Amino acid sequence: MSPEEQPAIVEKNVRIKIIYIIICFLIVILLAVSALYISLFSSYKNLEKQIAEINKDTSNSGLVNKTESNIEEGKNLQPDFESPKTEPVKSDDSMVNYVNKRLGFSIKIPKTAANPYGGCNWVEDEDKSSYRPKIVVTPVKTFENESSVYISFEYSYELTDRISDNGHTYFKGCEKVENNIAQLQQERRTWNIISKQVKNDTELDAFIKQRFGSSCSLGEKTTTIQPGVFSVRVNGDGKDLEFTNCALNYMFIIRYAPAVQKVFTFDRGQSFAFSKTLDYSEVYDGEMENSFRVLLP
């Protein structure tokens, strides 16, 4: 080997060693990453298995919440009152078709619904025991007067003998109150279906002002699924609630039938009035509204 060739061979050997070292380093890194992945995957599977076993044990343990109050010692404090026997079960969700030929409409109404004041519970307390409202399924009934029909609960329970103490209110009595037209007329209520004779748009606008406020006015009339019956829009005055004479911050329905020269309206409030279930997960109000029909010739 000539002296000229020796440096080139040395340089070549150095490069080969460097490449070899790099390859070995990469192999080591790959092996380390693989080992780490296998370790993490194994840990995950073990954790998943443990969670499954815990859930299985919990579901099979038969644990129940046993926080019911024992009020045997306080029986002598309870007033002489027997709450209704209706159990808190899902209400009968069947509906009946109510027809009022005199006022000129029909609507489906529930036979029963969850009444937030359908009963009372006697609640024992260390300081003050009291009756509290109980949600119970009760019958729904119609109450008629000359120009409208109220749809409401047949009866409710009213808390009586009120006692106020340190900012808390207690009730020592609970009385069943049968609903009647006089009570319903004392305040504006949801599901009070009003029927009014109107000959033209001028009288329709006057009715809107009388019912909804002096600053309200007749808006657009649009067709409904019932031929010959229109849904009526009410225009406000654009003022804030504290200044307006046309407060429309709730749901309401207006139907106008020119063929019989009648307008019909009822309020639905801001939520619902009749629930199918005690937890309010299903309600009747939408079905009731959709079933409303004007009796046409």
C-alpha atoms as a PDB file:
ATOM      1  CA  MET A   1       0.000   0.000   0.000  1.00  0.00           C
ATOM      2  CA  SER A   2       1.435   3.301  -1.023  1.00  0.00           C
ATOM      3  CA  PRO A   3       1.697   6.202   1.413  1.00  0.00           C
ATOM      4  CA  GLU A   4      -0.795   8.137  -0.733  1.00  0.00           C
ATOM      5  CA  GLU A   5      -3.539   5.463  -0.363  1.00  0.00           C
ATOM      6  CA  GLN A   6      -3.244   5.049   3.426  1.00  0.00           C
ATOM      7  CA  PRO A   7      -5.127   8.259   4.509  1.00  0.00           C
ATOM      8  CA  ALA A   8      -8.033   7.419   2.201  1.00  0.00           C
ATOM      9  CA  ILE A   9      -8.392   3.933   3.700  1.00  0.00           C
ATOM     10  CA  VAL A  10      -8.289   5.319   7.239  1.00  0.00           C
ATOM     11  CA  GLU A  11     -11.019   7.859   6.407  1.00  0.00           C
ATOM     12  CA  LYS A  12     -13.155   5.119   4.870  1.00  0.00           C
ATOM     13  CA  ASN A  13     -12.839   2.952   7.988  1.00  0.00           C
ATOM     14  CA  VAL A  14     -13.839   5.899  10.196  1.00  0.00           C
ATOM     15  CA  ARG A  15     -16.970   6.492   8.121  1.00  0.00           C
ATOM     16  CA  ILE A  16     -17.937   2.820   8.350  1.00  0.00           C
ATOM     17  CA  LYS A  17     -17.533   2.910  12.143  1.00  0.00           C
ATOM     18  CA  ILE A  18     -19.641   6.070  12.390  1.00  0.00           C
ATOM     19  CA  ILE A  19     -22.403   4.526  10.292  1.00  0.00           C
ATOM     20  CA  TYR A  20     -22.247   1.381  12.392  1.00  0.00           C
ATOM     21  CA  ILE A  21     -22.528   3.399  15.607  1.00  0.00           C
ATOM     22  CA  ILE A  22     -25.507   5.361  14.245  1.00  0.00           C
ATOM     23  CA  ILE A  23     -27.277   2.162  13.204  1.00  0.00           C
ATOM     24  CA  CYS A  24     -26.674   0.613  16.614  1.00  0.00           C
ATOM     25  CA  PHE A  25     -27.968   3.778  18.309  1.00  0.00           C
ATOM     26  CA  LEU A  26     -31.134   3.751  16.222  1.00  0.00           C
ATOM     27  CA  ILE A  27     -31.685   0.062  16.983  1.00  0.00           C
ATOM     28  CA  VAL A  28     -31.320   0.763  20.703  1.00  0.00           C
ATOM     29  CA  ILE A  29     -33.843   3.638  20.502  1.00  0.00           C
ATOM     30  CA  LEU A  30     -36.306   1.465  18.556  1.00  0.00           C
ATOM     31  CA  LEU A  31     -36.010  -1.318  21.110  1.00  0.00           C
ATOM     32  CA  ALA A  32     -36.499   1.131  23.979  1.00  0.00           C
ATOM     33  CA  VAL A  33     -39.609   2.676  22.379  1.00  0.00           C
ATOM     34  CA  SER A  34     -41.036  -0.796  21.713  1.00  0.00           C
ATOM     35  CA  ALA A  35     -40.436  -1.864  25.297  1.00  0.00           C
ATOM     36  CA  LEU A  36     -42.070   1.327  26.607  1.00  0.00           C
ATOM     37  CA  TYR A  37     -45.113   0.820  24.361  1.00  0.00           C
ATOM     38  CA  ILE A  38     -45.521  -2.791  25.474  1.00  0.00           C
ATOM     39  CA  SER A  39     -45.235  -1.733  29.113  1.00  0.00           C
ATOM     40  CA  LEU A  40     -47.829   1.045  28.778  1.00  0.00           C
ATOM     41  CA  PHE A  41     -50.219  -1.165  26.824  1.00  0.00           C
ATOM     42  CA  SER A  42     -49.967  -3.878  29.458  1.00  0.00           C
ATOM     43  CA  SER A  43     -50.612  -1.360  32.257  1.00  0.00           C
ATOM     44  CA  TYR A  44     -53.641   0.001  30.425  1.00  0.00           C
ATOM     45  CA  LYS A  45     -55.108  -3.466  30.003  1.00  0.00           C
ATOM     46  CA  ASN A  46     -54.596  -4.238  33.682  1.00  0.00           C
ATOM     47  CA  LEU A  47     -56.252  -0.967  34.693  1.00  0.00           C
ATOM     48  CA  GLU A  48     -59.148  -1.616  32.351  1.00  0.00           C
ATOM     49  CA  LYS A  49     -59.610  -5.068  33.856  1.00  0.00           C
ATOM     50  CA  GLN A  50     -59.572  -3.660  37.396  1.00  0.00           C
ATOM     51  CA  ILE A  51     -62.196  -1.027  36.542  1.00  0.00           C
ATOM     52  CA  ALA A  52     -64.425  -3.689  34.996  1.00  0.00           C
ATOM     53  CA  GLU A  53     -64.140  -5.836  38.122  1.00  0.00           C
ATOM     54  CA  ILE A  54     -64.964  -2.867  40.376  1.00  0.00           C
ATOM     55  CA  ASN A  55     -68.039  -1.973  38.298  1.00  0.00           C
ATOM     56  CA  LYS A  56     -69.142  -5.590  38.360  1.00  0.00           C
ATOM     57  CA  ASP A  57     -68.794  -5.779  42.126  1.00  0.00           C
ATOM     58  CA  THR A  58     -70.732  -2.522  42.566  1.00  0.00           C
ATOM     59  CA  SER A  59     -73.593  -3.587  40.318  1.00  0.00           C
ATOM     60  CA  ASN A  60     -73.917  -6.926  42.086  1.00  0.00           C
ATOM     61  CA  SER A  61     -73.631  -5.626  45.597  1.00  0.00           C
ATOM     62  CA  GLY A  62     -77.332  -4.703  45.836  1.00  0.00           C
ATOM     63  CA  LEU A  63     -76.568  -1.452  47.662  1.00  0.00           C
ATOM     64  CA  VAL A  64     -79.526   0.883  48.087  1.00  0.00           C
ATOM     65  CA  ASN A  65     -79.944   4.285  49.590  1.00  0.00           C
ATOM     66  CA  LYS A  66     -81.397   3.770  53.049  1.00  0.00           C
ATOM     67  CA  THR A  67     -81.756   7.353  54.162  1.00  0.00           C
ATOM     68  CA  GLU A  68     -85.518   7.171  54.760  1.00  0.00           C
ATOM     69  CA  SER A  69     -86.509   9.029  57.888  1.00  0.00           C
ATOM     70  CA  ASN A  70     -87.897   7.090  60.829  1.00  0.00           C
ATOM     71  CA  ILE A  71     -90.717   9.235  62.158  1.00  0.00           C
ATOM     72  CA  GLU A  72     -92.327   6.780  64.556  1.00  0.00           C
ATOM     73  CA  GLU A  73     -91.360   8.870  67.570  1.00  0.00           C
ATOM     74  CA  GLY A  74     -92.974  12.001  66.132  1.00  0.00           C
ATOM     75  CA  LYS A  75     -96.376  10.570  65.320  1.00  0.00           C
ATOM     76  CA  ASN A  76     -97.993  12.475  68.162  1.00  0.00           C
ATOM     77  CA  LEU A  77     -96.955  15.745  66.477  1.00  0.00           C
ATOM     78  CA  GLN A  78     -98.774  15.062  63.210  1.00  0.00           C
ATOM     79  CA  PRO A  79    -102.131  16.803  62.757  1.00  0.00           C
ATOM     80  CA  ASP A  80    -105.201  14.734  62.009  1.00  0.00           C
ATOM     81  CA  PHE A  81    -104.973  14.657  58.223  1.00  0.00           C
ATOM     82  CA  GLU A  82    -104.785  11.870  55.695  1.00  0.00           C
ATOM     83  CA  SER A  83    -102.983  12.599  52.411  1.00  0.00           C
ATOM     84  CA  PRO A  84    -104.552  11.191  49.217  1.00  0.00           C
ATOM     85  CA  LYS A  85    -103.759   7.544  48.554  1.00  0.00           C
ATOM     86  CA  THR A  86    -102.650   8.079  44.953  1.00  0.00           C
ATOM     87  CA  GLU A  87     -99.177   6.601  44.521  1.00  0.00           C
ATOM     88  CA  PRO A  88     -96.484   8.528  42.588  1.00  0.00           C
ATOM     89  CA  VAL A  89     -96.597   6.479  39.397  1.00  0.00           C
ATOM     90  CA  LYS A  90     -96.637   7.509  35.750  1.00  0.00           C
ATOM     91  CA  SER A  91     -99.941   9.065  34.793  1.00  0.00           C
ATOM     92  CA  ASP A  92    -102.472   7.667  32.366  1.00  0.00           C
ATOM     93  CA  ASP A  93    -101.318   9.303  29.135  1.00  0.00           C
ATOM     94  CA  SER A  94    -104.618   8.826  27.258  1.00  0.00           C
ATOM     95  CA  MET A  95    -106.428  11.908  26.024  1.00  0.00           C
ATOM     96  CA  VAL A  96    -110.059  12.687  25.294  1.00  0.00           C
ATOM     97  CA  ASN A  97    -111.455  14.942  22.596  1.00  0.00           C
ATOM     98  CA  TYR A  98    -113.331  17.839  24.182  1.00  0.00           C
ATOM     99  CA  VAL A  99    -115.882  19.528  21.883  1.00  0.00           C
ATOM    100  CA  ASN A 100    -117.636  22.804  22.697  1.00  0.00           C
ATOM    101  CA  LYS A 101    -120.235  23.480  20.018  1.00  0.00           C
ATOM    102  CA  ARG A 102    -121.442  26.672  21.687  1.00  0.00           C
ATOM    103  CA  LEU A 103    -118.017  28.330  21.533  1.00  0.00           C
ATOM    104  CA  GLY A 104    -117.069  26.565  18.309  1.00  0.00           C
ATOM    105  CA  PHE A 105    -113.903  24.528  18.904  1.00  0.00           C
ATOM    106  CA  SER A 106    -112.518  21.150  19.875  1.00  0.00           C
ATOM    107  CA  ILE A 107    -109.292  20.122  21.607  1.00  0.00           C
ATOM    108  CA  LYS A 108    -107.736  16.980  23.051  1.00  0.00           C
ATOM    109  CA  ILE A 109    -107.109  17.110  26.788  1.00  0.00           C
ATOM    110  CA  PRO A 110    -105.466  14.596  29.131  1.00  0.00           C
ATOM    111  CA  LYS A 111    -107.598  12.570  31.501  1.00  0.00           C
ATOM    112  CA  THR A 112    -105.005  12.976  34.240  1.00  0.00           C
ATOM    113  CA  ALA A 113    -101.687  14.765  34.720  1.00  0.00           C
ATOM    114  CA  ALA A 114     -98.990  15.298  37.340  1.00  0.00           C
ATOM    115  CA  ASN A 115    -100.243  17.960  39.740  1.00  0.00           C
ATOM    116  CA  PRO A 116     -97.459  19.681  41.774  1.00  0.00           C
ATOM    117  CA  TYR A 117    -100.056  20.331  44.485  1.00  0.00           C
ATOM    118  CA  GLY A 118    -101.895  17.035  44.131  1.00  0.00           C
ATOM    119  CA  GLY A 119    -101.175  16.017  47.716  1.00  0.00           C
ATOM    120  CA  CYS A 120     -99.187  16.695  50.865  1.00  0.00           C
ATOM    121  CA  ASN A 121     -96.301  15.061  52.701  1.00  0.00           C
ATOM    122  CA  TRP A 122     -95.817  15.419  56.450  1.00  0.00           C
ATOM    123  CA  VAL A 123     -92.113  16.146  56.893  1.00  0.00           C
ATOM    124  CA  GLU A 124     -90.490  15.651  60.299  1.00  0.00           C
ATOM    125  CA  ASP A 125     -87.890  18.208  61.335  1.00  0.00           C
ATOM    126  CA  GLU A 126     -85.861  18.571  64.536  1.00  0.00           C
ATOM    127  CA  ASP A 127     -87.169  22.092  65.136  1.00  0.00           C
ATOM    128  CA  LYS A 128     -90.323  22.506  63.085  1.00  0.00           C
ATOM    129  CA  SER A 129     -92.262  19.743  61.332  1.00  0.00           C
ATOM    130  CA  SER A 130     -94.461  20.749  58.429  1.00  0.00           C
ATOM    131  CA  TYR A 131     -96.654  19.672  55.568  1.00  0.00           C
ATOM    132  CA  ARG A 132     -95.013  20.100  52.155  1.00  0.00           C
ATOM    133  CA  PRO A 133     -96.534  19.820  48.653  1.00  0.00           C
ATOM    134  CA  LYS A 134     -96.474  16.431  46.964  1.00  0.00           C
ATOM    135  CA  ILE A 135     -96.617  15.787  43.212  1.00  0.00           C
ATOM    136  CA  VAL A 136     -99.521  13.441  42.554  1.00  0.00           C
ATOM    137  CA  VAL A 137    -101.381  12.430  39.395  1.00  0.00           C
ATOM    138  CA  THR A 138    -104.878  13.947  39.550  1.00  0.00           C
ATOM    139  CA  PRO A 139    -107.815  14.287  37.131  1.00  0.00           C
ATOM    140  CA  VAL A 140    -107.938  17.119  34.579  1.00  0.00           C
ATOM    141  CA  LYS A 141    -111.252  18.874  34.054  1.00  0.00           C
ATOM    142  CA  THR A 142    -112.855  21.620  31.941  1.00  0.00           C
ATOM    143  CA  PHE A 143    -114.594  24.599  33.559  1.00  0.00           C
ATOM    144  CA  GLU A 144    -116.906  26.647  31.317  1.00  0.00           C
ATOM    145  CA  ASN A 145    -118.252  30.165  31.484  1.00  0.00           C
ATOM    146  CA  GLU A 146    -120.046  32.360  28.961  1.00  0.00           C
ATOM    147  CA  SER A 147    -117.137  33.106  26.625  1.00  0.00           C
ATOM    148  CA  SER A 148    -114.314  30.735  27.569  1.00  0.00           C
ATOM    149  CA  VAL A 149    -113.238  27.345  28.866  1.00  0.00           C
ATOM    150  CA  TYR A 150    -110.590  26.702  31.511  1.00  0.00           C
ATOM    151  CA  ILE A 151    -108.609  23.474  31.445  1.00  0.00           C
ATOM    152  CA  SER A 152    -107.256  22.762  34.917  1.00  0.00           C
ATOM    153  CA  PHE A 153    -106.886  20.144  37.621  1.00  0.00           C
ATOM    154  CA  GLU A 154    -110.095  18.957  39.221  1.00  0.00           C
ATOM    155  CA  TYR A 155    -108.662  19.628  42.672  1.00  0.00           C
ATOM    156  CA  SER A 156    -105.453  20.521  44.499  1.00  0.00           C
ATOM    157  CA  TYR A 157    -104.229  20.601  48.104  1.00  0.00           C
ATOM    158  CA  GLU A 158    -103.599  23.858  49.914  1.00  0.00           C
ATOM    159  CA  LEU A 159    -101.158  24.238  52.796  1.00  0.00           C
ATOM    160  CA  THR A 160    -102.751  25.979  55.784  1.00  0.00           C
ATOM    161  CA  ASP A 161    -101.963  27.116  59.359  1.00  0.00           C
ATOM    162  CA  ARG A 162     -98.807  28.920  58.315  1.00  0.00           C
ATOM    163  CA  ILE A 163     -96.058  29.573  60.862  1.00  0.00           C
ATOM    164  CA  SER A 164     -93.041  31.798  60.153  1.00  0.00           C
ATOM    165  CA  ASP A 165     -89.933  31.420  62.282  1.00  0.00           C
ATOM    166  CA  ASN A 166     -86.431  32.795  61.638  1.00  0.00           C
ATOM    167  CA  GLY A 167     -87.021  33.148  57.925  1.00  0.00           C
ATOM    168  CA  HIS A 168     -88.542  29.659  57.557  1.00  0.00           C
ATOM    169  CA  THR A 169     -92.179  28.875  56.855  1.00  0.00           C
ATOM    170  CA  TYR A 170     -94.039  25.851  58.215  1.00  0.00           C
ATOM    171  CA  PHE A 171     -97.563  24.553  57.691  1.00  0.00           C
ATOM    172  CA  LYS A 172     -99.567  22.566  60.220  1.00  0.00           C
ATOM    173  CA  GLY A 173    -102.531  21.914  57.958  1.00  0.00           C
ATOM    174  CA  CYS A 174    -103.310  20.660  54.462  1.00  0.00           C
ATOM    175  CA  GLU A 175    -106.754  20.866  52.887  1.00  0.00           C
ATOM    176  CA  LYS A 176    -108.226  19.528  49.670  1.00  0.00           C
ATOM    177  CA  VAL A 177    -109.617  22.323  47.495  1.00  0.00           C
ATOM    178  CA  GLU A 178    -112.031  21.531  44.674  1.00  0.00           C
ATOM    179  CA  ASN A 179    -111.402  23.790  41.703  1.00  0.00           C
ATOM    180  CA  ASN A 180    -114.223  26.001  40.434  1.00  0.00           C
ATOM    181  CA  ILE A 181    -114.823  28.674  37.829  1.00  0.00           C
ATOM    182  CA  ALA A 182    -114.871  31.494  40.387  1.00  0.00           C
ATOM    183  CA  GLN A 183    -111.346  30.664  41.563  1.00  0.00           C
ATOM    184  CA  LEU A 184    -110.016  30.304  38.027  1.00  0.00           C
ATOM    185  CA  GLN A 185    -111.404  33.716  37.051  1.00  0.00           C
ATOM    186  CA  GLN A 186    -109.485  35.508  39.806  1.00  0.00           C
ATOM    187  CA  GLU A 187    -106.284  35.699  37.759  1.00  0.00           C
ATOM    188  CA  ARG A 188    -105.052  35.240  34.225  1.00  0.00           C
ATOM    189  CA  ARG A 189    -104.260  31.564  33.672  1.00  0.00           C
ATOM    190  CA  THR A 190    -102.801  29.256  31.088  1.00  0.00           C
ATOM    191  CA  TRP A 191    -105.194  27.118  29.074  1.00  0.00           C
ATOM    192  CA  ASN A 192    -108.068  29.533  29.320  1.00  0.00           C
ATOM    193  CA  ILE A 193    -109.491  29.202  25.796  1.00  0.00           C
ATOM    194  CA  ILE A 194    -111.385  32.357  24.866  1.00  0.00           C
ATOM    195  CA  SER A 195    -113.801  32.589  21.953  1.00  0.00           C
ATOM    196  CA  LYS A 196    -114.868  35.979  20.599  1.00  0.00           C
ATOM    197  CA  GLN A 197    -117.050  37.057  17.693  1.00  0.00           C
ATOM    198  CA  VAL A 198    -115.198  39.447  15.318  1.00  0.00           C
ATOM    199  CA  LYS A 199    -116.512  40.620  11.963  1.00  0.00           C
ATOM    200  CA  ASN A 200    -113.348  42.077  10.419  1.00  0.00           C
ATOM    201  CA  ASP A 201    -109.709  43.069  10.976  1.00  0.00           C
ATOM    202  CA  THR A 202    -110.721  46.204  12.866  1.00  0.00           C
ATOM    203  CA  GLU A 203    -112.586  44.177  15.471  1.00  0.00           C
ATOM    204  CA  LEU A 204    -109.765  41.617  15.512  1.00  0.00           C
ATOM    205  CA  ASP A 205    -107.255  44.387  16.269  1.00  0.00           C
ATOM    206  CA  ALA A 206    -109.515  45.708  19.048  1.00  0.00           C
ATOM    207  CA  PHE A 207    -109.684  42.232  20.575  1.00  0.00           C
ATOM    208  CA  ILE A 208    -105.876  41.958  20.530  1.00  0.00           C
ATOM    209  CA  LYS A 209    -105.530  45.309  22.304  1.00  0.00           C
ATOM    210  CA  GLN A 210    -108.063  44.299  24.933  1.00  0.00           C
ATOM    211  CA  ARG A 211    -106.460  40.905  25.539  1.00  0.00           C
ATOM    212  CA  PHE A 212    -102.722  41.623  25.265  1.00  0.00           C
ATOM    213  CA  GLY A 213    -102.322  45.369  25.882  1.00  0.00           C
ATOM    214  CA  SER A 214    -103.208  48.753  24.445  1.00  0.00           C
ATOM    215  CA  SER A 215     -99.898  49.033  22.520  1.00  0.00           C
ATOM    216  CA  CYS A 216    -100.362  45.660  20.814  1.00  0.00           C
ATOM    217  CA  SER A 217    -101.695  45.507  17.290  1.00  0.00           C
ATOM    218  CA  LEU A 218    -102.792  43.060  14.617  1.00  0.00           C
ATOM    219  CA  GLY A 219     -99.876  41.481  12.777  1.00  0.00           C
ATOM    220  CA  GLU A 220     -99.534  39.020   9.942  1.00  0.00           C
ATOM    221  CA  LYS A 221    -102.079  36.250   9.404  1.00  0.00           C
ATOM    222  CA  THR A 222    -100.672  32.915   8.190  1.00  0.00           C
ATOM    223  CA  THR A 223    -102.366  29.701   7.151  1.00  0.00           C
ATOM    224  CA  THR A 224    -102.502  26.684   9.492  1.00  0.00           C
ATOM    225  CA  ILE A 225    -102.916  22.964   8.872  1.00  0.00           C
ATOM    226  CA  GLN A 226    -106.669  23.499   9.171  1.00  0.00           C
ATOM    227  CA  PRO A 227    -108.013  25.059   5.945  1.00  0.00           C
ATOM    228  CA  GLY A 228    -109.794  28.352   6.504  1.00  0.00           C
ATOM    229  CA  VAL A 229    -108.155  28.963   9.893  1.00  0.00           C
ATOM    230  CA  PHE A 230    -105.296  31.435  10.322  1.00  0.00           C
ATOM    231  CA  SER A 231    -102.611  31.916  12.933  1.00  0.00           C
ATOM    232  CA  VAL A 232    -102.437  35.569  13.970  1.00  0.00           C
ATOM    233  CA  ARG A 233     -99.254  37.423  14.917  1.00  0.00           C
ATOM    234  CA  VAL A 234     -99.301  40.214  17.503  1.00  0.00           C
ATOM    235  CA  ASN A 235     -97.064  43.242  16.931  1.00  0.00           C
ATOM    236  CA  GLY A 236     -95.598  44.959  19.974  1.00  0.00           C
ATOM    237  CA  ASP A 237     -94.463  48.545  20.463  1.00  0.00           C
ATOM    238  CA  GLY A 238     -90.759  47.705  20.665  1.00  0.00           C
ATOM    239  CA  LYS A 239     -90.325  49.037  24.209  1.00  0.00           C
ATOM    240  CA  ASP A 240     -88.639  47.274  27.126  1.00  0.00           C
ATOM    241  CA  LEU A 241     -90.868  45.250  29.449  1.00  0.00           C
ATOM    242  CA  GLU A 242     -90.803  47.889  32.182  1.00  0.00           C
ATOM    243  CA  PHE A 243     -92.117  50.565  29.798  1.00  0.00           C
ATOM    244  CA  THR A 244     -94.318  48.662  27.341  1.00  0.00           C
ATOM    245  CA  ASN A 245     -98.090  48.296  27.263  1.00  0.00           C
ATOM    246  CA  CYS A 246     -97.685  45.131  25.204  1.00  0.00           C
ATOM    247  CA  ALA A 247     -95.767  42.612  27.310  1.00  0.00           C
ATOM    248  CA  LEU A 248     -95.476  39.375  25.325  1.00  0.00           C
ATOM    249  CA  ASN A 249     -92.846  37.388  27.232  1.00  0.00           C
ATOM    250  CA  TYR A 250     -94.816  34.126  27.233  1.00  0.00           C
ATOM    251  CA  MET A 251     -96.322  31.624  24.784  1.00  0.00           C
ATOM    252  CA  PHE A 252     -99.779  32.324  23.424  1.00  0.00           C
ATOM    253  CA  ILE A 253    -101.927  31.113  20.548  1.00  0.00           C
ATOM    254  CA  ILE A 254    -104.379  33.079  18.361  1.00  0.00           C
ATOM    255  CA  ARG A 255    -106.531  31.411  15.708  1.00  0.00           C
ATOM    256  CA  TYR A 256    -108.870  33.343  13.414  1.00  0.00           C
ATOM    257  CA  ALA A 257    -111.640  31.787  11.306  1.00  0.00           C
ATOM    258  CA  PRO A 258    -113.226  34.355   8.948  1.00  0.00           C
ATOM    259  CA  ALA A 259    -115.872  31.858   7.788  1.00  0.00           C
ATOM    260  CA  VAL A 260    -117.470  31.821  11.239  1.00  0.00           C
ATOM    261  CA  GLN A 261    -116.228  35.318  12.201  1.00  0.00           C
ATOM    262  CA  LYS A 262    -114.522  34.096  15.362  1.00  0.00           C
ATOM    263  CA  VAL A 263    -111.155  34.500  17.037  1.00  0.00           C
ATOM    264  CA  PHE A 264    -109.799  32.044  19.592  1.00  0.00           C
ATOM    265  CA  THR A 265    -106.887  32.511  21.950  1.00  0.00           C
ATOM    266  CA  PHE A 266    -105.215  30.820  24.918  1.00  0.00           C
ATOM    267  CA  ASP A 267    -101.976  31.268  26.827  1.00  0.00           C
ATOM    268  CA  ARG A 268     -99.432  28.485  27.328  1.00  0.00           C
ATOM    269  CA  GLY A 269     -97.284  30.402  29.793  1.00  0.00           C
ATOM    270  CA  GLN A 270     -93.494  30.099  29.823  1.00  0.00           C
ATOM    271  CA  SER A 271     -93.162  26.325  30.179  1.00  0.00           C
ATOM    272  CA  PHE A 272     -95.959  23.752  30.513  1.00  0.00           C
ATOM    273  CA  ALA A 273     -99.049  23.063  32.583  1.00  0.00           C
ATOM    274  CA  PHE A 274     -99.739  19.338  32.202  1.00  0.00           C
ATOM    275  CA  SER A 275     -97.061  16.690  32.588  1.00  0.00           C
ATOM    276  CA  LYS A 276     -97.459  13.020  31.716  1.00  0.00           C
ATOM    277  CA  THR A 277     -94.875  11.972  34.294  1.00  0.00           C
ATOM    278  CA  LEU A 278     -93.966  12.951  37.836  1.00  0.00           C
ATOM    279  CA  ASP A 279     -90.435  13.922  36.747  1.00  0.00           C
ATOM    280  CA  TYR A 280     -91.809  16.276  34.043  1.00  0.00           C
ATOM    281  CA  SER A 281     -89.868  14.437  31.326  1.00  0.00           C
ATOM    282  CA  GLU A 282     -92.949  14.283  29.061  1.00  0.00           C
ATOM    283  CA  VAL A 283     -95.744  16.819  28.763  1.00  0.00           C
ATOM    284  CA  TYR A 284     -99.134  17.116  27.084  1.00  0.00           C
ATOM    285  CA  ASP A 285     -99.169  20.812  26.187  1.00  0.00           C
ATOM    286  CA  GLY A 286     -97.721  20.465  22.690  1.00  0.00           C
ATOM    287  CA  GLU A 287    -100.178  17.714  21.768  1.00  0.00           C
ATOM    288  CA  MET A 288    -103.023  19.798  23.125  1.00  0.00           C
ATOM    289  CA  GLU A 289    -102.071  22.837  21.068  1.00  0.00           C
ATOM    290  CA  ASN A 290    -101.658  20.790  17.874  1.00  0.00           C
ATOM    291  CA  SER A 291    -105.068  19.170  18.345  1.00  0.00           C
ATOM    292  CA  PHE A 292    -106.969  22.478  18.566  1.00  0.00           C
ATOM    293  CA  ARG A 293    -109.579  22.796  15.798  1.00  0.00           C
ATOM    294  CA  VAL A 294    -112.196  25.388  14.959  1.00  0.00           C
ATOM    295  CA  LEU A 295    -115.642  23.945  14.209  1.00  0.00           C
ATOM    296  CA  LEU A 296    -116.372  25.096  10.676  1.00  0.00           C
ATOM    297  CA  PRO A 297    -119.616  24.755   8.699  1.00  0.00           C
END
